[in-house]
Protein backbone atom coordinates (compact mmCIF):
# COMPACT_ATOMS: atom_id res chain seq x y z
CA UNK A 1 0.00 0.00 0.00
CA UNK A 2 1.21 3.49 -0.82
CA UNK A 3 2.39 5.80 1.94
CA UNK A 4 2.36 9.10 0.05
CA UNK A 5 -0.91 11.03 0.08
CA UNK A 6 -0.90 11.72 -3.68
CA UNK A 7 -0.24 8.03 -4.39
CA UNK A 8 -3.22 7.04 -2.26
CA UNK A 9 -5.39 9.50 -4.15
CA UNK A 10 -4.17 8.19 -7.53
CA UNK A 11 -5.11 4.65 -6.47
CA UNK A 12 -8.65 5.77 -5.60
CA UNK A 13 -9.08 7.84 -8.76
CA UNK A 14 -7.75 5.05 -10.96
CA UNK A 15 -10.12 2.55 -9.35
CA UNK A 16 -13.08 4.87 -9.96
CA UNK A 17 -12.17 5.50 -13.59
CA UNK A 18 -11.54 1.79 -14.21
CA UNK A 19 -15.02 0.90 -12.95
CA UNK A 20 -16.58 3.63 -15.10
CA UNK A 21 -14.71 2.50 -18.22
CA UNK A 22 -15.60 -1.14 -17.56
CA UNK A 23 -19.28 -0.24 -17.32
CA UNK A 24 -19.20 1.73 -20.58
CA UNK A 25 -17.33 -1.04 -22.43
CA UNK A 26 -19.86 -3.58 -21.18
CA UNK A 27 -22.75 -1.45 -22.46
CA UNK A 28 -21.08 -1.22 -25.89
CA UNK A 29 -20.53 -4.98 -26.04
CA UNK A 30 -24.17 -5.62 -25.09
CA UNK A 31 -25.47 -3.28 -27.80
CA UNK A 32 -23.22 -4.94 -30.39
CA UNK A 33 -24.48 -8.40 -29.37
CA UNK A 34 -28.08 -7.22 -29.82
CA UNK A 35 -27.32 -6.10 -33.38
CA UNK A 36 -25.52 -9.37 -34.16
CA UNK A 37 -28.41 -11.42 -32.77
CA UNK A 38 -30.90 -9.54 -34.96
CA UNK A 39 -28.67 -10.02 -38.01
CA UNK A 40 -28.38 -13.76 -37.39
CA UNK A 41 -32.15 -13.98 -36.96
CA UNK A 42 -32.60 -12.11 -40.24
CA UNK A 43 -34.90 -9.50 -38.68
CA UNK A 44 -34.04 -6.33 -40.61
CA UNK A 45 -36.33 -3.98 -38.66
CA UNK A 46 -34.99 -5.12 -35.28
CA UNK A 47 -31.42 -4.99 -36.58
CA UNK A 48 -31.83 -1.41 -37.78
CA UNK A 49 -33.34 -0.22 -34.50
CA UNK A 50 -30.61 -2.04 -32.55
CA UNK A 51 -28.00 -0.48 -34.86
CA UNK A 52 -29.21 3.04 -34.06
CA UNK A 53 -28.95 2.31 -30.33
CA UNK A 54 -25.52 0.69 -30.76
CA UNK A 55 -24.14 3.63 -32.75
CA UNK A 56 -25.33 6.00 -30.04
CA UNK A 57 -23.68 3.91 -27.31
CA UNK A 58 -20.42 3.62 -29.26
CA UNK A 59 -20.30 7.36 -29.98
CA UNK A 60 -20.87 8.16 -26.31
CA UNK A 61 -18.04 5.81 -25.33
CA UNK A 62 -15.77 7.44 -27.90
CA UNK A 63 -16.59 10.96 -26.73
CA UNK A 64 -15.79 9.97 -23.13
CA UNK A 65 -12.40 8.65 -24.19
CA UNK A 66 -13.11 4.99 -23.50
CA UNK A 67 -12.60 4.09 -27.18
CA UNK A 68 -10.33 5.77 -29.71
CA UNK A 69 -12.31 7.48 -32.48
CA UNK A 70 -10.95 5.13 -35.16
CA UNK A 71 -11.86 2.10 -33.08
CA UNK A 72 -15.39 3.45 -32.63
CA UNK A 73 -15.64 4.21 -36.35
CA UNK A 74 -14.51 0.69 -37.22
CA UNK A 75 -17.10 -0.86 -34.91
CA UNK A 76 -19.89 1.27 -36.43
CA UNK A 77 -18.79 0.43 -39.98
CA UNK A 78 -18.73 -3.32 -39.30
CA UNK A 79 -22.17 -3.24 -37.67
CA UNK A 80 -23.62 -1.17 -40.52
CA UNK A 81 -22.17 -3.57 -43.07
CA UNK A 82 -23.68 -6.53 -41.24
CA UNK A 83 -27.12 -4.89 -41.08
CA UNK A 84 -26.99 -3.89 -44.75
CA UNK A 85 -26.13 -7.47 -45.72
CA UNK A 86 -29.59 -8.66 -44.64
CA UNK A 87 -31.63 -9.24 -47.79
C-alpha atoms as a PDB file:
ATOM      1  CA  UNK A   1       0.000   0.000   0.000  1.00  0.00           C
ATOM      2  CA  UNK A   2       1.212   3.486  -0.825  1.00  0.00           C
ATOM      3  CA  UNK A   3       2.390   5.802   1.936  1.00  0.00           C
ATOM      4  CA  UNK A   4       2.359   9.104   0.050  1.00  0.00           C
ATOM      5  CA  UNK A   5      -0.909  11.031   0.077  1.00  0.00           C
ATOM      6  CA  UNK A   6      -0.897  11.715  -3.681  1.00  0.00           C
ATOM      7  CA  UNK A   7      -0.238   8.030  -4.391  1.00  0.00           C
ATOM      8  CA  UNK A   8      -3.215   7.040  -2.261  1.00  0.00           C
ATOM      9  CA  UNK A   9      -5.393   9.495  -4.154  1.00  0.00           C
ATOM     10  CA  UNK A  10      -4.170   8.187  -7.526  1.00  0.00           C
ATOM     11  CA  UNK A  11      -5.107   4.649  -6.470  1.00  0.00           C
ATOM     12  CA  UNK A  12      -8.649   5.770  -5.597  1.00  0.00           C
ATOM     13  CA  UNK A  13      -9.082   7.843  -8.765  1.00  0.00           C
ATOM     14  CA  UNK A  14      -7.745   5.047 -10.958  1.00  0.00           C
ATOM     15  CA  UNK A  15     -10.117   2.545  -9.354  1.00  0.00           C
ATOM     16  CA  UNK A  16     -13.081   4.867  -9.962  1.00  0.00           C
ATOM     17  CA  UNK A  17     -12.169   5.499 -13.593  1.00  0.00           C
ATOM     18  CA  UNK A  18     -11.545   1.790 -14.206  1.00  0.00           C
ATOM     19  CA  UNK A  19     -15.022   0.899 -12.946  1.00  0.00           C
ATOM     20  CA  UNK A  20     -16.579   3.631 -15.104  1.00  0.00           C
ATOM     21  CA  UNK A  21     -14.711   2.497 -18.224  1.00  0.00           C
ATOM     22  CA  UNK A  22     -15.604  -1.140 -17.561  1.00  0.00           C
ATOM     23  CA  UNK A  23     -19.283  -0.240 -17.315  1.00  0.00           C
ATOM     24  CA  UNK A  24     -19.202   1.728 -20.578  1.00  0.00           C
ATOM     25  CA  UNK A  25     -17.330  -1.043 -22.427  1.00  0.00           C
ATOM     26  CA  UNK A  26     -19.861  -3.585 -21.175  1.00  0.00           C
ATOM     27  CA  UNK A  27     -22.746  -1.455 -22.464  1.00  0.00           C
ATOM     28  CA  UNK A  28     -21.082  -1.219 -25.885  1.00  0.00           C
ATOM     29  CA  UNK A  29     -20.532  -4.982 -26.039  1.00  0.00           C
ATOM     30  CA  UNK A  30     -24.167  -5.621 -25.093  1.00  0.00           C
ATOM     31  CA  UNK A  31     -25.468  -3.283 -27.801  1.00  0.00           C
ATOM     32  CA  UNK A  32     -23.219  -4.936 -30.390  1.00  0.00           C
ATOM     33  CA  UNK A  33     -24.480  -8.395 -29.366  1.00  0.00           C
ATOM     34  CA  UNK A  34     -28.078  -7.219 -29.822  1.00  0.00           C
ATOM     35  CA  UNK A  35     -27.323  -6.099 -33.377  1.00  0.00           C
ATOM     36  CA  UNK A  36     -25.515  -9.369 -34.155  1.00  0.00           C
ATOM     37  CA  UNK A  37     -28.409 -11.419 -32.772  1.00  0.00           C
ATOM     38  CA  UNK A  38     -30.903  -9.535 -34.959  1.00  0.00           C
ATOM     39  CA  UNK A  39     -28.672 -10.015 -38.014  1.00  0.00           C
ATOM     40  CA  UNK A  40     -28.376 -13.763 -37.390  1.00  0.00           C
ATOM     41  CA  UNK A  41     -32.152 -13.984 -36.958  1.00  0.00           C
ATOM     42  CA  UNK A  42     -32.596 -12.106 -40.238  1.00  0.00           C
ATOM     43  CA  UNK A  43     -34.896  -9.498 -38.677  1.00  0.00           C
ATOM     44  CA  UNK A  44     -34.038  -6.332 -40.607  1.00  0.00           C
ATOM     45  CA  UNK A  45     -36.327  -3.978 -38.661  1.00  0.00           C
ATOM     46  CA  UNK A  46     -34.991  -5.115 -35.282  1.00  0.00           C
ATOM     47  CA  UNK A  47     -31.424  -4.992 -36.583  1.00  0.00           C
ATOM     48  CA  UNK A  48     -31.830  -1.410 -37.779  1.00  0.00           C
ATOM     49  CA  UNK A  49     -33.337  -0.221 -34.495  1.00  0.00           C
ATOM     50  CA  UNK A  50     -30.609  -2.037 -32.549  1.00  0.00           C
ATOM     51  CA  UNK A  51     -28.003  -0.482 -34.864  1.00  0.00           C
ATOM     52  CA  UNK A  52     -29.210   3.041 -34.060  1.00  0.00           C
ATOM     53  CA  UNK A  53     -28.949   2.311 -30.331  1.00  0.00           C
ATOM     54  CA  UNK A  54     -25.522   0.688 -30.756  1.00  0.00           C
ATOM     55  CA  UNK A  55     -24.144   3.628 -32.746  1.00  0.00           C
ATOM     56  CA  UNK A  56     -25.330   5.999 -30.037  1.00  0.00           C
ATOM     57  CA  UNK A  57     -23.684   3.907 -27.315  1.00  0.00           C
ATOM     58  CA  UNK A  58     -20.425   3.620 -29.259  1.00  0.00           C
ATOM     59  CA  UNK A  59     -20.305   7.357 -29.981  1.00  0.00           C
ATOM     60  CA  UNK A  60     -20.865   8.164 -26.310  1.00  0.00           C
ATOM     61  CA  UNK A  61     -18.040   5.808 -25.328  1.00  0.00           C
ATOM     62  CA  UNK A  62     -15.773   7.440 -27.905  1.00  0.00           C
ATOM     63  CA  UNK A  63     -16.589  10.961 -26.726  1.00  0.00           C
ATOM     64  CA  UNK A  64     -15.790   9.974 -23.134  1.00  0.00           C
ATOM     65  CA  UNK A  65     -12.395   8.649 -24.187  1.00  0.00           C
ATOM     66  CA  UNK A  66     -13.111   4.988 -23.497  1.00  0.00           C
ATOM     67  CA  UNK A  67     -12.597   4.088 -27.177  1.00  0.00           C
ATOM     68  CA  UNK A  68     -10.331   5.773 -29.713  1.00  0.00           C
ATOM     69  CA  UNK A  69     -12.312   7.480 -32.480  1.00  0.00           C
ATOM     70  CA  UNK A  70     -10.947   5.133 -35.162  1.00  0.00           C
ATOM     71  CA  UNK A  71     -11.861   2.095 -33.075  1.00  0.00           C
ATOM     72  CA  UNK A  72     -15.385   3.447 -32.634  1.00  0.00           C
ATOM     73  CA  UNK A  73     -15.643   4.215 -36.345  1.00  0.00           C
ATOM     74  CA  UNK A  74     -14.515   0.691 -37.215  1.00  0.00           C
ATOM     75  CA  UNK A  75     -17.100  -0.857 -34.912  1.00  0.00           C
ATOM     76  CA  UNK A  76     -19.892   1.268 -36.433  1.00  0.00           C
ATOM     77  CA  UNK A  77     -18.785   0.433 -39.980  1.00  0.00           C
ATOM     78  CA  UNK A  78     -18.732  -3.316 -39.296  1.00  0.00           C
ATOM     79  CA  UNK A  79     -22.167  -3.238 -37.667  1.00  0.00           C
ATOM     80  CA  UNK A  80     -23.621  -1.168 -40.525  1.00  0.00           C
ATOM     81  CA  UNK A  81     -22.170  -3.566 -43.071  1.00  0.00           C
ATOM     82  CA  UNK A  82     -23.681  -6.528 -41.244  1.00  0.00           C
ATOM     83  CA  UNK A  83     -27.125  -4.893 -41.078  1.00  0.00           C
ATOM     84  CA  UNK A  84     -26.990  -3.891 -44.747  1.00  0.00           C
ATOM     85  CA  UNK A  85     -26.129  -7.472 -45.721  1.00  0.00           C
ATOM     86  CA  UNK A  86     -29.590  -8.660 -44.643  1.00  0.00           C
ATOM     87  CA  UNK A  87     -31.630  -9.243 -47.792  1.00  0.00           C
END
